[in-house]
N, C-alpha and C. Protein backbone atom coordinates (compact mmCIF):
# COMPACT_ATOMS: atom_id res chain seq x y z
N UNK A 1 -11.89 16.36 21.61
CA UNK A 1 -12.05 16.27 20.16
C UNK A 1 -13.37 15.56 19.87
N UNK A 2 -14.14 16.12 18.95
CA UNK A 2 -15.40 15.44 18.63
C UNK A 2 -15.15 14.27 17.68
N UNK A 3 -16.13 13.37 17.60
CA UNK A 3 -16.00 12.13 16.82
C UNK A 3 -15.77 12.39 15.33
N UNK A 4 -16.43 13.40 14.78
CA UNK A 4 -16.28 13.69 13.36
C UNK A 4 -14.84 14.11 13.04
N UNK A 5 -14.29 14.98 13.84
CA UNK A 5 -12.89 15.41 13.64
C UNK A 5 -11.95 14.23 13.82
N UNK A 6 -12.22 13.42 14.83
CA UNK A 6 -11.38 12.23 15.07
C UNK A 6 -11.39 11.32 13.84
N UNK A 7 -12.57 11.08 13.26
CA UNK A 7 -12.66 10.23 12.08
C UNK A 7 -11.95 10.85 10.88
N UNK A 8 -12.04 12.16 10.74
CA UNK A 8 -11.33 12.84 9.65
C UNK A 8 -9.82 12.66 9.82
N UNK A 9 -9.34 12.80 11.03
CA UNK A 9 -7.91 12.64 11.31
C UNK A 9 -7.49 11.19 11.04
N UNK A 10 -8.29 10.25 11.50
CA UNK A 10 -7.96 8.83 11.28
C UNK A 10 -7.94 8.50 9.79
N UNK A 11 -8.91 9.03 9.04
CA UNK A 11 -8.96 8.78 7.59
C UNK A 11 -7.74 9.40 6.90
N UNK A 12 -7.39 10.61 7.28
CA UNK A 12 -6.22 11.27 6.69
C UNK A 12 -4.94 10.52 7.04
N UNK A 13 -4.87 10.01 8.25
CA UNK A 13 -3.70 9.25 8.67
C UNK A 13 -3.59 7.96 7.86
N UNK A 14 -4.71 7.30 7.63
CA UNK A 14 -4.71 6.08 6.82
C UNK A 14 -4.26 6.38 5.39
N UNK A 15 -4.77 7.46 4.82
CA UNK A 15 -4.35 7.84 3.45
C UNK A 15 -2.85 8.13 3.43
N UNK A 16 -2.36 8.79 4.45
CA UNK A 16 -0.92 9.10 4.52
C UNK A 16 -0.10 7.82 4.66
N UNK A 17 -0.61 6.86 5.43
CA UNK A 17 0.06 5.57 5.59
C UNK A 17 0.12 4.83 4.25
N UNK A 18 -1.00 4.82 3.52
CA UNK A 18 -1.00 4.17 2.20
C UNK A 18 -0.02 4.86 1.25
N UNK A 19 0.05 6.18 1.30
CA UNK A 19 1.00 6.90 0.45
C UNK A 19 2.43 6.54 0.84
N UNK A 20 2.68 6.43 2.13
CA UNK A 20 4.02 6.05 2.59
C UNK A 20 4.40 4.67 2.06
N UNK A 21 3.47 3.72 2.13
CA UNK A 21 3.74 2.39 1.58
C UNK A 21 3.97 2.49 0.07
N UNK A 22 3.18 3.31 -0.60
CA UNK A 22 3.32 3.47 -2.05
C UNK A 22 4.67 4.10 -2.40
N UNK A 23 5.12 5.03 -1.58
CA UNK A 23 6.41 5.68 -1.82
C UNK A 23 7.59 4.75 -1.53
N UNK A 24 7.31 3.64 -0.87
CA UNK A 24 8.38 2.70 -0.49
C UNK A 24 8.06 1.29 -0.99
N UNK A 25 7.88 1.21 -2.29
CA UNK A 25 7.57 -0.08 -2.91
C UNK A 25 8.70 -1.09 -2.74
N UNK A 26 9.90 -0.58 -2.44
CA UNK A 26 11.02 -1.49 -2.22
C UNK A 26 10.83 -2.34 -0.97
N UNK A 27 9.95 -1.88 -0.08
CA UNK A 27 9.63 -2.68 1.11
C UNK A 27 8.62 -3.73 0.67
N UNK A 28 9.08 -4.95 0.64
CA UNK A 28 8.25 -6.05 0.17
C UNK A 28 7.30 -6.52 1.27
N UNK A 29 6.21 -7.16 0.86
CA UNK A 29 5.25 -7.69 1.82
C UNK A 29 5.91 -8.67 2.79
N UNK A 30 6.83 -9.48 2.29
CA UNK A 30 7.51 -10.44 3.17
C UNK A 30 8.28 -9.70 4.26
N UNK A 31 8.88 -8.56 3.92
CA UNK A 31 9.60 -7.76 4.91
C UNK A 31 8.64 -7.26 5.98
N UNK A 32 7.49 -6.76 5.55
CA UNK A 32 6.49 -6.29 6.50
C UNK A 32 6.02 -7.43 7.40
N UNK A 33 5.80 -8.60 6.82
CA UNK A 33 5.35 -9.74 7.62
C UNK A 33 6.40 -10.14 8.65
N UNK A 34 7.65 -10.13 8.25
CA UNK A 34 8.72 -10.50 9.17
C UNK A 34 8.83 -9.49 10.31
N UNK A 35 8.82 -8.22 9.96
CA UNK A 35 9.06 -7.18 10.96
C UNK A 35 7.82 -6.78 11.77
N UNK A 36 6.66 -6.76 11.11
CA UNK A 36 5.49 -6.17 11.77
C UNK A 36 4.29 -7.12 11.84
N UNK A 37 4.41 -8.30 11.26
CA UNK A 37 3.34 -9.30 11.29
C UNK A 37 2.07 -8.83 10.59
N UNK A 38 2.22 -7.99 9.56
CA UNK A 38 1.13 -7.60 8.68
C UNK A 38 1.75 -7.16 7.36
N UNK A 39 0.93 -7.11 6.32
CA UNK A 39 1.42 -6.64 5.02
C UNK A 39 0.30 -5.90 4.30
N UNK A 40 0.56 -5.53 3.08
CA UNK A 40 -0.45 -4.81 2.30
C UNK A 40 -1.70 -5.67 2.10
N UNK A 41 -1.51 -6.98 1.94
CA UNK A 41 -2.67 -7.86 1.79
C UNK A 41 -3.50 -7.90 3.07
N UNK A 42 -2.85 -7.87 4.21
CA UNK A 42 -3.57 -7.82 5.49
C UNK A 42 -4.41 -6.55 5.55
N UNK A 43 -3.82 -5.42 5.18
CA UNK A 43 -4.57 -4.16 5.17
C UNK A 43 -5.80 -4.27 4.26
N UNK A 44 -5.62 -4.92 3.12
CA UNK A 44 -6.73 -5.10 2.19
C UNK A 44 -7.84 -5.93 2.82
N UNK A 45 -7.47 -6.99 3.51
CA UNK A 45 -8.46 -7.84 4.18
C UNK A 45 -9.17 -7.08 5.30
N UNK A 46 -8.42 -6.27 6.05
CA UNK A 46 -9.04 -5.47 7.11
C UNK A 46 -10.01 -4.46 6.52
N UNK A 47 -9.62 -3.84 5.41
CA UNK A 47 -10.47 -2.87 4.74
C UNK A 47 -11.78 -3.54 4.30
N UNK A 48 -11.65 -4.69 3.68
CA UNK A 48 -12.81 -5.44 3.20
C UNK A 48 -13.71 -5.83 4.37
N UNK A 49 -13.12 -6.28 5.48
CA UNK A 49 -13.89 -6.68 6.65
C UNK A 49 -14.65 -5.49 7.26
N UNK A 50 -14.01 -4.33 7.31
CA UNK A 50 -14.67 -3.15 7.87
C UNK A 50 -15.81 -2.69 6.96
N UNK A 51 -15.62 -2.81 5.66
CA UNK A 51 -16.71 -2.47 4.73
C UNK A 51 -17.88 -3.42 4.95
N UNK A 52 -17.60 -4.70 5.06
CA UNK A 52 -18.66 -5.70 5.28
C UNK A 52 -19.38 -5.46 6.60
N UNK A 53 -18.64 -5.07 7.63
CA UNK A 53 -19.24 -4.81 8.95
C UNK A 53 -20.22 -3.64 8.89
N UNK A 54 -20.06 -2.81 7.86
CA UNK A 54 -20.95 -1.66 7.69
C UNK A 54 -21.98 -1.88 6.58
N UNK A 55 -22.11 -3.15 6.16
CA UNK A 55 -23.11 -3.50 5.17
C UNK A 55 -22.73 -3.19 3.74
N UNK A 56 -21.46 -2.90 3.49
CA UNK A 56 -21.00 -2.59 2.14
C UNK A 56 -20.42 -3.85 1.49
N UNK A 57 -20.80 -4.09 0.26
CA UNK A 57 -20.21 -5.20 -0.49
C UNK A 57 -18.93 -4.71 -1.14
N UNK A 58 -17.87 -5.34 -0.78
CA UNK A 58 -16.55 -4.90 -1.24
C UNK A 58 -15.70 -6.14 -1.34
N UNK A 59 -15.21 -6.45 -2.53
CA UNK A 59 -14.44 -7.69 -2.63
C UNK A 59 -12.94 -7.43 -2.43
N UNK A 60 -12.22 -8.52 -2.30
CA UNK A 60 -10.79 -8.48 -1.99
C UNK A 60 -10.00 -7.72 -3.06
N UNK A 61 -10.32 -7.95 -4.32
CA UNK A 61 -9.60 -7.26 -5.39
C UNK A 61 -9.83 -5.74 -5.33
N UNK A 62 -11.03 -5.32 -5.01
CA UNK A 62 -11.31 -3.89 -4.86
C UNK A 62 -10.51 -3.31 -3.69
N UNK A 63 -10.48 -4.04 -2.60
CA UNK A 63 -9.73 -3.58 -1.42
C UNK A 63 -8.24 -3.50 -1.73
N UNK A 64 -7.72 -4.51 -2.42
CA UNK A 64 -6.29 -4.48 -2.76
C UNK A 64 -5.97 -3.32 -3.70
N UNK A 65 -6.87 -2.99 -4.59
CA UNK A 65 -6.60 -1.86 -5.50
C UNK A 65 -6.51 -0.55 -4.72
N UNK A 66 -7.29 -0.41 -3.66
CA UNK A 66 -7.19 0.78 -2.81
C UNK A 66 -5.85 0.80 -2.08
N UNK A 67 -5.46 -0.32 -1.52
CA UNK A 67 -4.22 -0.38 -0.75
C UNK A 67 -2.99 -0.27 -1.64
N UNK A 68 -2.99 -0.96 -2.76
CA UNK A 68 -1.83 -0.97 -3.66
C UNK A 68 -1.81 0.22 -4.61
N UNK A 69 -2.94 0.89 -4.79
CA UNK A 69 -3.01 2.03 -5.70
C UNK A 69 -3.10 1.63 -7.15
N UNK A 70 -3.31 0.37 -7.41
CA UNK A 70 -3.45 -0.19 -8.76
C UNK A 70 -3.91 -1.63 -8.61
N UNK A 71 -4.34 -2.26 -9.68
CA UNK A 71 -4.68 -3.68 -9.55
C UNK A 71 -3.49 -4.47 -9.02
N UNK A 72 -3.78 -5.42 -8.13
CA UNK A 72 -2.72 -6.20 -7.50
C UNK A 72 -1.82 -6.88 -8.52
N UNK A 73 -2.40 -7.44 -9.57
CA UNK A 73 -1.60 -8.14 -10.59
C UNK A 73 -0.57 -7.20 -11.21
N UNK A 74 -0.96 -5.96 -11.43
CA UNK A 74 -0.04 -4.96 -11.99
C UNK A 74 1.06 -4.62 -10.99
N UNK A 75 0.69 -4.40 -9.72
CA UNK A 75 1.68 -4.09 -8.68
C UNK A 75 2.67 -5.24 -8.53
N UNK A 76 2.14 -6.45 -8.52
CA UNK A 76 2.99 -7.63 -8.35
C UNK A 76 4.00 -7.74 -9.50
N UNK A 77 3.53 -7.52 -10.72
CA UNK A 77 4.41 -7.59 -11.89
C UNK A 77 5.50 -6.52 -11.85
N UNK A 78 5.12 -5.31 -11.45
CA UNK A 78 6.05 -4.18 -11.47
C UNK A 78 6.98 -4.11 -10.26
N UNK A 79 6.48 -4.53 -9.08
CA UNK A 79 7.20 -4.19 -7.86
C UNK A 79 7.54 -5.36 -6.93
N UNK A 80 6.91 -6.50 -7.11
CA UNK A 80 7.15 -7.58 -6.16
C UNK A 80 8.32 -8.45 -6.61
N UNK A 81 9.32 -8.53 -5.75
CA UNK A 81 10.47 -9.39 -6.01
C UNK A 81 10.23 -10.77 -5.41
N UNK A 82 10.91 -11.73 -5.94
CA UNK A 82 10.85 -13.08 -5.37
C UNK A 82 11.50 -13.05 -3.99
N UNK A 83 10.86 -13.69 -3.04
CA UNK A 83 11.42 -13.73 -1.68
C UNK A 83 12.72 -14.51 -1.70
N UNK A 84 13.69 -13.97 -0.97
CA UNK A 84 14.99 -14.65 -0.89
C UNK A 84 14.90 -15.81 0.10
N UNK A 85 15.89 -16.67 0.07
CA UNK A 85 15.95 -17.78 1.02
C UNK A 85 16.03 -17.25 2.45
N UNK A 86 16.79 -16.17 2.65
CA UNK A 86 16.89 -15.57 3.99
C UNK A 86 15.55 -15.01 4.46
N UNK A 87 14.83 -14.35 3.56
CA UNK A 87 13.52 -13.81 3.92
C UNK A 87 12.56 -14.94 4.30
N UNK A 88 12.56 -15.99 3.50
CA UNK A 88 11.66 -17.11 3.78
C UNK A 88 12.01 -17.79 5.11
N UNK A 89 13.30 -17.92 5.39
CA UNK A 89 13.73 -18.52 6.66
C UNK A 89 13.29 -17.66 7.83
N UNK A 90 13.45 -16.34 7.70
CA UNK A 90 13.03 -15.42 8.76
C UNK A 90 11.52 -15.46 8.95
N UNK A 91 10.79 -15.52 7.85
CA UNK A 91 9.33 -15.59 7.93
C UNK A 91 8.88 -16.89 8.60
N UNK A 92 9.47 -17.98 8.19
CA UNK A 92 9.11 -19.28 8.78
C UNK A 92 9.48 -19.35 10.24
N UNK A 93 10.61 -18.77 10.62
CA UNK A 93 11.02 -18.74 12.03
C UNK A 93 10.02 -17.92 12.85
N UNK A 94 9.57 -16.81 12.30
CA UNK A 94 8.60 -15.96 13.00
C UNK A 94 7.28 -16.71 13.15
N UNK A 95 6.86 -17.41 12.13
CA UNK A 95 5.60 -18.15 12.19
C UNK A 95 5.66 -19.22 13.28
N UNK A 96 6.82 -19.79 13.49
CA UNK A 96 6.98 -20.79 14.53
C UNK A 96 6.88 -20.21 15.93
N UNK A 97 7.10 -18.89 16.06
CA UNK A 97 7.06 -18.23 17.37
C UNK A 97 5.66 -17.78 17.74
N UNK A 98 4.76 -17.70 16.76
CA UNK A 98 3.41 -17.20 17.04
C UNK A 98 2.56 -18.23 17.73
């Protein structure tokens, strides 16, 4: 496979991954952190870092809007639930293992 096709496939896969996250807003960031040790905010930071590595100025809010599909404040208001005591305990337990 040539590099151009590989990059096209990787880009399409990333877009599909973002759509999957968007289709499953019920999966909270805390759940992702507990289960997979990353969340939508992590993806936003990685996106911003990769843009910077290529000389592009891209701030965190712009990156989050790409990952969340809307401004973060709007997503948070519409879709983010308060973390439960069980979720926080699981997250803190996981942090202690790292």
